[in-house]
mmCIF file of all heavy atoms, coordinates in Angstrom:
data_MODEL
# 
_entry.id   MODEL 
# 
loop_
_atom_site.group_PDB 
_atom_site.id 
_atom_site.type_symbol 
_atom_site.label_atom_id 
_atom_site.label_alt_id 
_atom_site.label_comp_id 
_atom_site.label_asym_id 
_atom_site.label_entity_id 
_atom_site.label_seq_id 
_atom_site.pdbx_PDB_ins_code 
_atom_site.Cartn_x 
_atom_site.Cartn_y 
_atom_site.Cartn_z 
_atom_site.occupancy 
_atom_site.B_iso_or_equiv 
_atom_site.pdbx_formal_charge 
_atom_site.auth_seq_id 
_atom_site.auth_comp_id 
_atom_site.auth_asym_id 
_atom_site.auth_atom_id 
_atom_site.pdbx_PDB_model_num 
ATOM 1   N N   . PHE A 1 1  ? 7.211  179.357 48.845 1.00 0.00 ? 1  PHE A N   1 
ATOM 2   C CA  . PHE A 1 1  ? 6.106  179.167 49.762 1.00 0.00 ? 1  PHE A CA  1 
ATOM 3   C C   . PHE A 1 1  ? 4.978  178.401 49.085 1.00 0.00 ? 1  PHE A C   1 
ATOM 4   O O   . PHE A 1 1  ? 4.847  178.387 47.862 1.00 0.00 ? 1  PHE A O   1 
ATOM 5   C CB  . PHE A 1 1  ? 5.598  180.512 50.298 1.00 0.00 ? 1  PHE A CB  1 
ATOM 6   C CG  . PHE A 1 1  ? 5.066  181.435 49.235 1.00 0.00 ? 1  PHE A CG  1 
ATOM 7   C CD1 . PHE A 1 1  ? 3.726  181.385 48.874 1.00 0.00 ? 1  PHE A CD1 1 
ATOM 8   C CD2 . PHE A 1 1  ? 5.884  182.362 48.615 1.00 0.00 ? 1  PHE A CD2 1 
ATOM 9   C CE1 . PHE A 1 1  ? 3.215  182.233 47.905 1.00 0.00 ? 1  PHE A CE1 1 
ATOM 10  C CE2 . PHE A 1 1  ? 5.386  183.218 47.643 1.00 0.00 ? 1  PHE A CE2 1 
ATOM 11  C CZ  . PHE A 1 1  ? 4.056  183.151 47.288 1.00 0.00 ? 1  PHE A CZ  1 
ATOM 12  N N   . GLY A 1 2  ? 4.159  177.767 49.899 1.00 0.00 ? 2  GLY A N   1 
ATOM 13  C CA  . GLY A 1 2  ? 3.029  177.022 49.389 1.00 0.00 ? 2  GLY A CA  1 
ATOM 14  C C   . GLY A 1 2  ? 3.173  175.531 49.625 1.00 0.00 ? 2  GLY A C   1 
ATOM 15  O O   . GLY A 1 2  ? 4.152  175.062 50.200 1.00 0.00 ? 2  GLY A O   1 
ATOM 16  N N   . ILE A 1 3  ? 2.184  174.796 49.166 1.00 0.00 ? 3  ILE A N   1 
ATOM 17  C CA  . ILE A 1 3  ? 2.180  173.346 49.284 1.00 0.00 ? 3  ILE A CA  1 
ATOM 18  C C   . ILE A 1 3  ? 2.884  172.753 48.065 1.00 0.00 ? 3  ILE A C   1 
ATOM 19  O O   . ILE A 1 3  ? 2.582  173.129 46.930 1.00 0.00 ? 3  ILE A O   1 
ATOM 20  C CB  . ILE A 1 3  ? 0.748  172.808 49.380 1.00 0.00 ? 3  ILE A CB  1 
ATOM 21  C CG1 . ILE A 1 3  ? 0.000  173.486 50.537 1.00 0.00 ? 3  ILE A CG1 1 
ATOM 22  C CG2 . ILE A 1 3  ? 0.756  171.296 49.552 1.00 0.00 ? 3  ILE A CG2 1 
ATOM 23  C CD1 . ILE A 1 3  ? 0.635  173.270 51.887 1.00 0.00 ? 3  ILE A CD1 1 
ATOM 24  N N   . TYR A 1 4  ? 3.774  171.841 48.300 1.00 0.00 ? 4  TYR A N   1 
ATOM 25  C CA  . TYR A 1 4  ? 4.532  171.285 47.193 1.00 0.00 ? 4  TYR A CA  1 
ATOM 26  C C   . TYR A 1 4  ? 4.925  169.838 47.458 1.00 0.00 ? 4  TYR A C   1 
ATOM 27  O O   . TYR A 1 4  ? 5.039  169.398 48.598 1.00 0.00 ? 4  TYR A O   1 
ATOM 28  C CB  . TYR A 1 4  ? 5.777  172.122 46.901 1.00 0.00 ? 4  TYR A CB  1 
ATOM 29  C CG  . TYR A 1 4  ? 6.690  172.306 48.088 1.00 0.00 ? 4  TYR A CG  1 
ATOM 30  C CD1 . TYR A 1 4  ? 7.722  171.407 48.344 1.00 0.00 ? 4  TYR A CD1 1 
ATOM 31  C CD2 . TYR A 1 4  ? 6.522  173.382 48.956 1.00 0.00 ? 4  TYR A CD2 1 
ATOM 32  C CE1 . TYR A 1 4  ? 8.554  171.571 49.438 1.00 0.00 ? 4  TYR A CE1 1 
ATOM 33  C CE2 . TYR A 1 4  ? 7.354  173.546 50.052 1.00 0.00 ? 4  TYR A CE2 1 
ATOM 34  C CZ  . TYR A 1 4  ? 8.370  172.641 50.285 1.00 0.00 ? 4  TYR A CZ  1 
ATOM 35  O OH  . TYR A 1 4  ? 9.195  172.806 51.369 1.00 0.00 ? 4  TYR A OH  1 
ATOM 36  N N   . THR A 1 5  ? 5.129  169.136 46.372 1.00 0.00 ? 5  THR A N   1 
ATOM 37  C CA  . THR A 1 5  ? 5.637  167.781 46.376 1.00 0.00 ? 5  THR A CA  1 
ATOM 38  C C   . THR A 1 5  ? 7.030  167.801 45.765 1.00 0.00 ? 5  THR A C   1 
ATOM 39  O O   . THR A 1 5  ? 7.269  168.501 44.779 1.00 0.00 ? 5  THR A O   1 
ATOM 40  C CB  . THR A 1 5  ? 4.723  166.846 45.567 1.00 0.00 ? 5  THR A CB  1 
ATOM 41  O OG1 . THR A 1 5  ? 3.436  166.809 46.172 1.00 0.00 ? 5  THR A OG1 1 
ATOM 42  C CG2 . THR A 1 5  ? 5.300  165.442 45.515 1.00 0.00 ? 5  THR A CG2 1 
ATOM 43  N N   . MET A 1 6  ? 7.935  167.035 46.335 1.00 0.00 ? 6  MET A N   1 
ATOM 44  C CA  . MET A 1 6  ? 9.278  166.952 45.796 1.00 0.00 ? 6  MET A CA  1 
ATOM 45  C C   . MET A 1 6  ? 9.617  165.500 45.488 1.00 0.00 ? 6  MET A C   1 
ATOM 46  O O   . MET A 1 6  ? 9.185  164.590 46.195 1.00 0.00 ? 6  MET A O   1 
ATOM 47  C CB  . MET A 1 6  ? 10.301 167.558 46.763 1.00 0.00 ? 6  MET A CB  1 
ATOM 48  C CG  . MET A 1 6  ? 10.055 169.037 47.024 1.00 0.00 ? 6  MET A CG  1 
ATOM 49  S SD  . MET A 1 6  ? 11.342 169.845 48.007 1.00 0.00 ? 6  MET A SD  1 
ATOM 50  C CE  . MET A 1 6  ? 12.633 170.030 46.769 1.00 0.00 ? 6  MET A CE  1 
ATOM 51  N N   . ASP A 1 7  ? 10.387 165.321 44.440 1.00 0.00 ? 7  ASP A N   1 
ATOM 52  C CA  . ASP A 1 7  ? 10.672 163.990 43.932 1.00 0.00 ? 7  ASP A CA  1 
ATOM 53  C C   . ASP A 1 7  ? 12.114 163.895 43.447 1.00 0.00 ? 7  ASP A C   1 
ATOM 54  O O   . ASP A 1 7  ? 12.777 164.898 43.182 1.00 0.00 ? 7  ASP A O   1 
ATOM 55  C CB  . ASP A 1 7  ? 9.764  163.645 42.742 1.00 0.00 ? 7  ASP A CB  1 
ATOM 56  C CG  . ASP A 1 7  ? 8.343  164.090 42.926 1.00 0.00 ? 7  ASP A CG  1 
ATOM 57  O OD1 . ASP A 1 7  ? 7.576  163.364 43.592 1.00 0.00 ? 7  ASP A OD1 1 
ATOM 58  O OD2 . ASP A 1 7  ? 7.994  165.164 42.381 1.00 0.00 ? 7  ASP A OD2 1 
ATOM 59  N N   . TRP A 1 8  ? 12.557 162.655 43.306 1.00 0.00 ? 8  TRP A N   1 
ATOM 60  C CA  . TRP A 1 8  ? 13.801 162.359 42.622 1.00 0.00 ? 8  TRP A CA  1 
ATOM 61  C C   . TRP A 1 8  ? 13.500 161.475 41.424 1.00 0.00 ? 8  TRP A C   1 
ATOM 62  O O   . TRP A 1 8  ? 12.808 160.461 41.547 1.00 0.00 ? 8  TRP A O   1 
ATOM 63  C CB  . TRP A 1 8  ? 14.800 161.642 43.535 1.00 0.00 ? 8  TRP A CB  1 
ATOM 64  C CG  . TRP A 1 8  ? 15.432 162.533 44.547 1.00 0.00 ? 8  TRP A CG  1 
ATOM 65  C CD1 . TRP A 1 8  ? 15.094 162.665 45.855 1.00 0.00 ? 8  TRP A CD1 1 
ATOM 66  C CD2 . TRP A 1 8  ? 16.543 163.415 44.325 1.00 0.00 ? 8  TRP A CD2 1 
ATOM 67  N NE1 . TRP A 1 8  ? 15.915 163.581 46.471 1.00 0.00 ? 8  TRP A NE1 1 
ATOM 68  C CE2 . TRP A 1 8  ? 16.811 164.050 45.557 1.00 0.00 ? 8  TRP A CE2 1 
ATOM 69  C CE3 . TRP A 1 8  ? 17.334 163.721 43.210 1.00 0.00 ? 8  TRP A CE3 1 
ATOM 70  C CZ2 . TRP A 1 8  ? 17.843 164.980 45.705 1.00 0.00 ? 8  TRP A CZ2 1 
ATOM 71  C CZ3 . TRP A 1 8  ? 18.352 164.652 43.358 1.00 0.00 ? 8  TRP A CZ3 1 
ATOM 72  C CH2 . TRP A 1 8  ? 18.597 165.265 44.590 1.00 0.00 ? 8  TRP A CH2 1 
ATOM 73  N N   . TYR A 1 9  ? 14.008 161.872 40.284 1.00 0.00 ? 9  TYR A N   1 
ATOM 74  C CA  . TYR A 1 9  ? 13.953 161.089 39.062 1.00 0.00 ? 9  TYR A CA  1 
ATOM 75  C C   . TYR A 1 9  ? 15.376 160.734 38.654 1.00 0.00 ? 9  TYR A C   1 
ATOM 76  O O   . TYR A 1 9  ? 16.337 161.344 39.114 1.00 0.00 ? 9  TYR A O   1 
ATOM 77  C CB  . TYR A 1 9  ? 13.297 161.872 37.926 1.00 0.00 ? 9  TYR A CB  1 
ATOM 78  C CG  . TYR A 1 9  ? 11.797 162.047 38.030 1.00 0.00 ? 9  TYR A CG  1 
ATOM 79  C CD1 . TYR A 1 9  ? 11.242 162.949 38.922 1.00 0.00 ? 9  TYR A CD1 1 
ATOM 80  C CD2 . TYR A 1 9  ? 10.939 161.315 37.213 1.00 0.00 ? 9  TYR A CD2 1 
ATOM 81  C CE1 . TYR A 1 9  ? 9.876  163.121 39.013 1.00 0.00 ? 9  TYR A CE1 1 
ATOM 82  C CE2 . TYR A 1 9  ? 9.564  161.484 37.286 1.00 0.00 ? 9  TYR A CE2 1 
ATOM 83  C CZ  . TYR A 1 9  ? 9.042  162.389 38.186 1.00 0.00 ? 9  TYR A CZ  1 
ATOM 84  O OH  . TYR A 1 9  ? 7.682  162.564 38.262 1.00 0.00 ? 9  TYR A OH  1 
ATOM 85  N N   . ARG A 1 10 ? 15.497 159.765 37.773 1.00 0.00 ? 10 ARG A N   1 
ATOM 86  C CA  . ARG A 1 10 ? 16.802 159.465 37.210 1.00 0.00 ? 10 ARG A CA  1 
ATOM 87  C C   . ARG A 1 10 ? 16.648 159.066 35.753 1.00 0.00 ? 10 ARG A C   1 
ATOM 88  O O   . ARG A 1 10 ? 15.601 158.581 35.333 1.00 0.00 ? 10 ARG A O   1 
ATOM 89  C CB  . ARG A 1 10 ? 17.515 158.362 37.997 1.00 0.00 ? 10 ARG A CB  1 
ATOM 90  C CG  . ARG A 1 10 ? 16.878 156.982 37.901 1.00 0.00 ? 10 ARG A CG  1 
ATOM 91  C CD  . ARG A 1 10 ? 17.606 156.009 38.817 1.00 0.00 ? 10 ARG A CD  1 
ATOM 92  N NE  . ARG A 1 10 ? 17.062 154.664 38.734 1.00 0.00 ? 10 ARG A NE  1 
ATOM 93  C CZ  . ARG A 1 10 ? 17.428 153.661 39.532 1.00 0.00 ? 10 ARG A CZ  1 
ATOM 94  N NH1 . ARG A 1 10 ? 18.346 153.853 40.472 1.00 0.00 ? 10 ARG A NH1 1 
ATOM 95  N NH2 . ARG A 1 10 ? 16.877 152.465 39.377 1.00 0.00 ? 10 ARG A NH2 1 
ATOM 96  N N   . GLN A 1 11 ? 17.712 159.283 35.013 1.00 0.00 ? 11 GLN A N   1 
ATOM 97  C CA  . GLN A 1 11 ? 17.706 158.952 33.601 1.00 0.00 ? 11 GLN A CA  1 
ATOM 98  C C   . GLN A 1 11 ? 19.077 158.443 33.191 1.00 0.00 ? 11 GLN A C   1 
ATOM 99  O O   . GLN A 1 11 ? 20.081 159.131 33.352 1.00 0.00 ? 11 GLN A O   1 
ATOM 100 C CB  . GLN A 1 11 ? 17.326 160.167 32.753 1.00 0.00 ? 11 GLN A CB  1 
ATOM 101 C CG  . GLN A 1 11 ? 17.154 159.857 31.283 1.00 0.00 ? 11 GLN A CG  1 
ATOM 102 C CD  . GLN A 1 11 ? 16.542 161.015 30.522 1.00 0.00 ? 11 GLN A CD  1 
ATOM 103 O OE1 . GLN A 1 11 ? 16.677 162.172 30.922 1.00 0.00 ? 11 GLN A OE1 1 
ATOM 104 N NE2 . GLN A 1 11 ? 15.863 160.711 29.432 1.00 0.00 ? 11 GLN A NE2 1 
ATOM 105 N N   . ALA A 1 12 ? 19.104 157.234 32.672 1.00 0.00 ? 12 ALA A N   1 
ATOM 106 C CA  . ALA A 1 12 ? 20.313 156.649 32.134 1.00 0.00 ? 12 ALA A CA  1 
ATOM 107 C C   . ALA A 1 12 ? 20.361 156.915 30.637 1.00 0.00 ? 12 ALA A C   1 
ATOM 108 O O   . ALA A 1 12 ? 19.323 157.124 29.999 1.00 0.00 ? 12 ALA A O   1 
ATOM 109 C CB  . ALA A 1 12 ? 20.347 155.150 32.413 1.00 0.00 ? 12 ALA A CB  1 
ATOM 110 N N   . PRO A 1 13 ? 21.543 156.917 30.038 1.00 0.00 ? 13 PRO A N   1 
ATOM 111 C CA  . PRO A 1 13 ? 21.661 157.175 28.599 1.00 0.00 ? 13 PRO A CA  1 
ATOM 112 C C   . PRO A 1 13 ? 20.791 156.230 27.777 1.00 0.00 ? 13 PRO A C   1 
ATOM 113 O O   . PRO A 1 13 ? 20.810 155.012 27.981 1.00 0.00 ? 13 PRO A O   1 
ATOM 114 C CB  . PRO A 1 13 ? 23.144 156.941 28.317 1.00 0.00 ? 13 PRO A CB  1 
ATOM 115 C CG  . PRO A 1 13 ? 23.816 157.242 29.618 1.00 0.00 ? 13 PRO A CG  1 
ATOM 116 C CD  . PRO A 1 13 ? 22.863 156.736 30.663 1.00 0.00 ? 13 PRO A CD  1 
ATOM 117 N N   . GLY A 1 14 ? 20.021 156.793 26.855 1.00 0.00 ? 14 GLY A N   1 
ATOM 118 C CA  . GLY A 1 14 ? 19.175 156.001 25.991 1.00 0.00 ? 14 GLY A CA  1 
ATOM 119 C C   . GLY A 1 14 ? 17.903 155.495 26.619 1.00 0.00 ? 14 GLY A C   1 
ATOM 120 O O   . GLY A 1 14 ? 17.156 154.756 25.969 1.00 0.00 ? 14 GLY A O   1 
ATOM 121 N N   . LYS A 1 15 ? 17.638 155.874 27.859 1.00 0.00 ? 15 LYS A N   1 
ATOM 122 C CA  . LYS A 1 15 ? 16.446 155.411 28.545 1.00 0.00 ? 15 LYS A CA  1 
ATOM 123 C C   . LYS A 1 15 ? 15.563 156.581 28.953 1.00 0.00 ? 15 LYS A C   1 
ATOM 124 O O   . LYS A 1 15 ? 16.008 157.728 29.012 1.00 0.00 ? 15 LYS A O   1 
ATOM 125 C CB  . LYS A 1 15 ? 16.823 154.582 29.777 1.00 0.00 ? 15 LYS A CB  1 
ATOM 126 C CG  . LYS A 1 15 ? 17.583 153.305 29.465 1.00 0.00 ? 15 LYS A CG  1 
ATOM 127 C CD  . LYS A 1 15 ? 17.837 152.488 30.716 1.00 0.00 ? 15 LYS A CD  1 
ATOM 128 C CE  . LYS A 1 15 ? 18.556 151.196 30.394 1.00 0.00 ? 15 LYS A CE  1 
ATOM 129 N NZ  . LYS A 1 15 ? 18.805 150.382 31.621 1.00 0.00 ? 15 LYS A NZ  1 
ATOM 130 N N   . GLU A 1 16 ? 14.315 156.260 29.226 1.00 0.00 ? 16 GLU A N   1 
ATOM 131 C CA  . GLU A 1 16 ? 13.377 157.275 29.664 1.00 0.00 ? 16 GLU A CA  1 
ATOM 132 C C   . GLU A 1 16 ? 13.647 157.666 31.109 1.00 0.00 ? 16 GLU A C   1 
ATOM 133 O O   . GLU A 1 16 ? 14.137 156.865 31.908 1.00 0.00 ? 16 GLU A O   1 
ATOM 134 C CB  . GLU A 1 16 ? 11.941 156.769 29.525 1.00 0.00 ? 16 GLU A CB  1 
ATOM 135 C CG  . GLU A 1 16 ? 11.509 156.489 28.099 1.00 0.00 ? 16 GLU A CG  1 
ATOM 136 C CD  . GLU A 1 16 ? 11.415 157.749 27.281 1.00 0.00 ? 16 GLU A CD  1 
ATOM 137 O OE1 . GLU A 1 16 ? 10.942 158.778 27.813 1.00 0.00 ? 16 GLU A OE1 1 
ATOM 138 O OE2 . GLU A 1 16 ? 11.819 157.718 26.108 1.00 0.00 ? 16 GLU A OE2 1 
ATOM 139 N N   . ARG A 1 17 ? 13.309 158.888 31.422 1.00 0.00 ? 17 ARG A N   1 
ATOM 140 C CA  . ARG A 1 17 ? 13.420 159.337 32.797 1.00 0.00 ? 17 ARG A CA  1 
ATOM 141 C C   . ARG A 1 17 ? 12.384 158.616 33.654 1.00 0.00 ? 17 ARG A C   1 
ATOM 142 O O   . ARG A 1 17 ? 11.219 158.499 33.262 1.00 0.00 ? 17 ARG A O   1 
ATOM 143 C CB  . ARG A 1 17 ? 13.221 160.850 32.875 1.00 0.00 ? 17 ARG A CB  1 
ATOM 144 C CG  . ARG A 1 17 ? 13.474 161.444 34.246 1.00 0.00 ? 17 ARG A CG  1 
ATOM 145 C CD  . ARG A 1 17 ? 13.449 162.966 34.204 1.00 0.00 ? 17 ARG A CD  1 
ATOM 146 N NE  . ARG A 1 17 ? 14.478 163.508 33.318 1.00 0.00 ? 17 ARG A NE  1 
ATOM 147 C CZ  . ARG A 1 17 ? 14.747 164.794 33.177 1.00 0.00 ? 17 ARG A CZ  1 
ATOM 148 N NH1 . ARG A 1 17 ? 14.063 165.694 33.880 1.00 0.00 ? 17 ARG A NH1 1 
ATOM 149 N NH2 . ARG A 1 17 ? 15.689 165.198 32.344 1.00 0.00 ? 17 ARG A NH2 1 
ATOM 150 N N   . GLU A 1 18 ? 12.807 158.121 34.805 1.00 0.00 ? 18 GLU A N   1 
ATOM 151 C CA  . GLU A 1 18 ? 11.920 157.368 35.667 1.00 0.00 ? 18 GLU A CA  1 
ATOM 152 C C   . GLU A 1 18 ? 11.874 157.961 37.062 1.00 0.00 ? 18 GLU A C   1 
ATOM 153 O O   . GLU A 1 18 ? 12.859 158.511 37.559 1.00 0.00 ? 18 GLU A O   1 
ATOM 154 C CB  . GLU A 1 18 ? 12.345 155.893 35.745 1.00 0.00 ? 18 GLU A CB  1 
ATOM 155 C CG  . GLU A 1 18 ? 13.708 155.669 36.388 1.00 0.00 ? 18 GLU A CG  1 
ATOM 156 C CD  . GLU A 1 18 ? 14.039 154.204 36.597 1.00 0.00 ? 18 GLU A CD  1 
ATOM 157 O OE1 . GLU A 1 18 ? 13.104 153.371 36.593 1.00 0.00 ? 18 GLU A OE1 1 
ATOM 158 O OE2 . GLU A 1 18 ? 15.234 153.885 36.761 1.00 0.00 ? 18 GLU A OE2 1 
ATOM 159 N N   . LEU A 1 19 ? 10.727 157.822 37.683 1.00 0.00 ? 19 LEU A N   1 
ATOM 160 C CA  . LEU A 1 19 ? 10.557 158.287 39.048 1.00 0.00 ? 19 LEU A CA  1 
ATOM 161 C C   . LEU A 1 19 ? 11.212 157.313 40.007 1.00 0.00 ? 19 LEU A C   1 
ATOM 162 O O   . LEU A 1 19 ? 10.945 156.112 39.959 1.00 0.00 ? 19 LEU A O   1 
ATOM 163 C CB  . LEU A 1 19 ? 9.071  158.431 39.376 1.00 0.00 ? 19 LEU A CB  1 
ATOM 164 C CG  . LEU A 1 19 ? 8.714  158.868 40.793 1.00 0.00 ? 19 LEU A CG  1 
ATOM 165 C CD1 . LEU A 1 19 ? 9.225  160.269 41.078 1.00 0.00 ? 19 LEU A CD1 1 
ATOM 166 C CD2 . LEU A 1 19 ? 7.202  158.796 41.005 1.00 0.00 ? 19 LEU A CD2 1 
ATOM 167 N N   . VAL A 1 20 ? 12.051 157.832 40.881 1.00 0.00 ? 20 VAL A N   1 
ATOM 168 C CA  . VAL A 1 20 ? 12.749 157.019 41.869 1.00 0.00 ? 20 VAL A CA  1 
ATOM 169 C C   . VAL A 1 20 ? 12.039 157.062 43.211 1.00 0.00 ? 20 VAL A C   1 
ATOM 170 O O   . VAL A 1 20 ? 11.801 156.028 43.839 1.00 0.00 ? 20 VAL A O   1 
ATOM 171 C CB  . VAL A 1 20 ? 14.208 157.477 42.023 1.00 0.00 ? 20 VAL A CB  1 
ATOM 172 C CG1 . VAL A 1 20 ? 14.910 156.694 43.128 1.00 0.00 ? 20 VAL A CG1 1 
ATOM 173 C CG2 . VAL A 1 20 ? 14.954 157.327 40.707 1.00 0.00 ? 20 VAL A CG2 1 
ATOM 174 N N   . ALA A 1 21 ? 11.728 158.255 43.670 1.00 0.00 ? 21 ALA A N   1 
ATOM 175 C CA  . ALA A 1 21 ? 11.102 158.423 44.971 1.00 0.00 ? 21 ALA A CA  1 
ATOM 176 C C   . ALA A 1 21 ? 10.375 159.750 45.016 1.00 0.00 ? 21 ALA A C   1 
ATOM 177 O O   . ALA A 1 21 ? 10.759 160.708 44.338 1.00 0.00 ? 21 ALA A O   1 
ATOM 178 C CB  . ALA A 1 21 ? 12.143 158.363 46.092 1.00 0.00 ? 21 ALA A CB  1 
ATOM 179 N N   . THR A 1 22 ? 9.335  159.809 45.820 1.00 0.00 ? 22 THR A N   1 
ATOM 180 C CA  . THR A 1 22 ? 8.566  161.032 45.951 1.00 0.00 ? 22 THR A CA  1 
ATOM 181 C C   . THR A 1 22 ? 8.182  161.231 47.414 1.00 0.00 ? 22 THR A C   1 
ATOM 182 O O   . THR A 1 22 ? 8.024  160.268 48.166 1.00 0.00 ? 22 THR A O   1 
ATOM 183 C CB  . THR A 1 22 ? 7.302  160.997 45.067 1.00 0.00 ? 22 THR A CB  1 
ATOM 184 O OG1 . THR A 1 22 ? 6.622  162.251 45.131 1.00 0.00 ? 22 THR A OG1 1 
ATOM 185 C CG2 . THR A 1 22 ? 6.354  159.889 45.512 1.00 0.00 ? 22 THR A CG2 1 
ATOM 186 N N   . ILE A 1 23 ? 8.033  162.484 47.792 1.00 0.00 ? 23 ILE A N   1 
ATOM 187 C CA  . ILE A 1 23 ? 7.609  162.813 49.146 1.00 0.00 ? 23 ILE A CA  1 
ATOM 188 C C   . ILE A 1 23 ? 6.657  163.990 49.079 1.00 0.00 ? 23 ILE A C   1 
ATOM 189 O O   . ILE A 1 23 ? 6.936  165.011 48.443 1.00 0.00 ? 23 ILE A O   1 
ATOM 190 C CB  . ILE A 1 23 ? 8.817  163.093 50.066 1.00 0.00 ? 23 ILE A CB  1 
ATOM 191 C CG1 . ILE A 1 23 ? 8.357  163.316 51.510 1.00 0.00 ? 23 ILE A CG1 1 
ATOM 192 C CG2 . ILE A 1 23 ? 9.656  164.259 49.557 1.00 0.00 ? 23 ILE A CG2 1 
ATOM 193 C CD1 . ILE A 1 23 ? 9.495  163.242 52.516 1.00 0.00 ? 23 ILE A CD1 1 
ATOM 194 N N   . GLY A 1 24 ? 5.509  163.838 49.717 1.00 0.00 ? 24 GLY A N   1 
ATOM 195 C CA  . GLY A 1 24 ? 4.504  164.875 49.714 1.00 0.00 ? 24 GLY A CA  1 
ATOM 196 C C   . GLY A 1 24 ? 4.722  165.878 50.823 1.00 0.00 ? 24 GLY A C   1 
ATOM 197 O O   . GLY A 1 24 ? 5.587  165.727 51.684 1.00 0.00 ? 24 GLY A O   1 
# 
């Protein structure tokens, strides 16, 4: 319960995790 934001991140081998999409 509560207010929340949800997102999708992705990470390829040897790379930093990056934000793909977000929804408030």
